[in-house]
Amino acid sequence: MHVRIVRGRFNPATEGEVQRIISQQITPALHRQPGFQRYLWGINRTTGQVSAMSFWDNEAHANLGSEILARALDSLAALGVKLEPAEIYEVTVEDRAAQVGR
């Protein structure tokens, strides 16, 4: 498994619009890609920082081209969101909290 991490900055005043683009454009586009497993988007409203992590079955799938997300990335840029280049890592340790009742 591989994780793709993208960090960036945003204006907290545009949070609602940014979240809408993530939910309506980025998440559905990722779901259509081979090898996609999971997506997390986190924000820090105080500092205006964002972090996105997507999980993939292999490195090739994690290195999806930006053209797949071009429309959504253009929409985010128009709101002043500035994203750094993606970083890809192999997941070498995974731990999950135990679920109660299992």
Protein backbone atom coordinates (compact mmCIF):
# COMPACT_ATOMS: atom_id res chain seq x y z
CA MET A 1 0.00 0.00 0.00
CA HIS A 2 1.14 3.57 -0.72
CA VAL A 3 0.04 6.93 0.61
CA ARG A 4 -0.01 10.15 -1.40
CA ILE A 5 0.31 13.26 0.77
CA VAL A 6 -0.40 16.79 -0.39
CA ARG A 7 0.01 19.79 1.89
CA GLY A 8 -1.01 23.36 1.30
CA ARG A 9 -2.58 26.59 2.51
CA PHE A 10 -6.05 28.07 2.26
CA ASN A 11 -8.03 31.05 3.47
CA PRO A 12 -10.27 29.82 6.30
CA ALA A 13 -12.96 32.26 5.13
CA THR A 14 -13.40 30.05 2.04
CA GLU A 15 -13.66 26.78 3.97
CA GLY A 16 -17.24 25.99 2.91
CA GLU A 17 -16.44 26.42 -0.77
CA VAL A 18 -13.21 24.43 -0.45
CA GLN A 19 -15.01 21.58 1.32
CA ARG A 20 -17.67 21.55 -1.42
CA ILE A 21 -15.01 21.16 -4.14
CA ILE A 22 -13.34 18.35 -2.19
CA SER A 23 -16.65 16.53 -1.68
CA GLN A 24 -18.16 17.11 -5.11
CA GLN A 25 -15.13 17.00 -7.41
CA ILE A 26 -12.00 15.49 -5.88
CA THR A 27 -13.48 12.60 -3.92
CA PRO A 28 -15.60 11.28 -6.83
CA ALA A 29 -12.62 11.60 -9.24
CA LEU A 30 -10.41 9.60 -6.88
CA HIS A 31 -13.05 6.89 -6.50
CA ARG A 32 -12.95 6.35 -10.27
CA GLN A 33 -9.19 5.66 -10.27
CA PRO A 34 -7.78 2.13 -10.21
CA GLY A 35 -6.20 1.14 -6.93
CA PHE A 36 -7.87 3.87 -4.87
CA GLN A 37 -8.55 2.83 -1.27
CA ARG A 38 -9.22 5.82 1.00
CA TYR A 39 -9.05 9.63 1.17
CA LEU A 40 -8.62 11.97 4.13
CA TRP A 41 -8.66 15.80 4.05
CA GLY A 42 -7.66 17.74 7.13
CA ILE A 43 -7.56 21.45 7.85
CA ASN A 44 -6.18 23.75 10.51
CA ARG A 45 -8.50 26.74 10.63
CA THR A 46 -6.09 28.74 12.80
CA THR A 47 -3.04 28.47 10.52
CA GLY A 48 -4.86 28.00 7.20
CA GLN A 49 -2.99 24.77 6.50
CA VAL A 50 -4.44 21.74 4.74
CA SER A 51 -3.27 18.18 4.35
CA ALA A 52 -4.72 15.52 2.08
CA MET A 53 -3.85 11.83 2.19
CA SER A 54 -5.01 9.22 -0.26
CA PHE A 55 -4.21 5.54 0.03
CA TRP A 56 -3.51 3.33 -2.98
CA ASP A 57 -2.78 -0.33 -3.69
CA ASN A 58 0.59 0.41 -5.35
CA GLU A 59 3.02 3.20 -6.19
CA ALA A 60 2.00 3.45 -9.84
CA HIS A 61 -1.62 4.14 -8.89
CA ALA A 62 -0.55 6.62 -6.19
CA ASN A 63 1.30 8.61 -8.86
CA LEU A 64 -1.90 9.56 -10.67
CA GLY A 65 -1.49 12.44 -13.07
CA SER A 66 -2.71 15.87 -12.05
CA GLU A 67 -4.82 16.05 -15.22
CA ILE A 68 -7.29 13.70 -13.52
CA LEU A 69 -7.96 16.41 -10.95
CA ALA A 70 -7.29 19.43 -13.17
CA ARG A 71 -10.78 20.94 -12.99
CA ALA A 72 -10.96 20.59 -9.21
CA LEU A 73 -7.43 21.90 -8.72
CA ASP A 74 -8.25 24.93 -10.90
CA SER A 75 -11.36 25.56 -8.76
CA LEU A 76 -9.29 25.36 -5.57
CA ALA A 77 -6.63 27.68 -7.01
CA ALA A 78 -9.33 30.21 -7.88
CA LEU A 79 -10.20 30.27 -4.16
CA GLY A 80 -6.56 30.94 -3.29
CA VAL A 81 -5.70 27.38 -2.21
CA LYS A 82 -1.99 26.76 -2.75
CA LEU A 83 -0.95 23.11 -2.85
CA GLU A 84 2.57 21.71 -2.72
CA PRO A 85 3.64 18.85 -5.00
CA ALA A 86 2.46 15.42 -3.89
CA GLU A 87 4.75 13.12 -1.93
CA ILE A 88 4.39 9.34 -2.26
CA TYR A 89 5.38 6.93 0.51
CA GLU A 90 5.18 3.18 0.89
CA VAL A 91 3.18 2.25 3.97
CA THR A 92 5.43 -0.02 6.02
CA VAL A 93 3.54 -0.08 9.33
CA GLU A 94 -0.21 0.10 9.81
CA ASP A 95 -2.08 0.01 13.10
CA ARG A 96 -5.73 0.60 13.78
CA ALA A 97 -7.53 1.05 17.06
CA ALA A 98 -9.44 -2.01 18.17
CA GLN A 99 -13.14 -1.79 17.55
CA VAL A 100 -15.35 -2.27 20.60
CA GLY A 101 -17.55 -5.35 20.40
CA ARG A 102 -15.43 -7.31 17.95
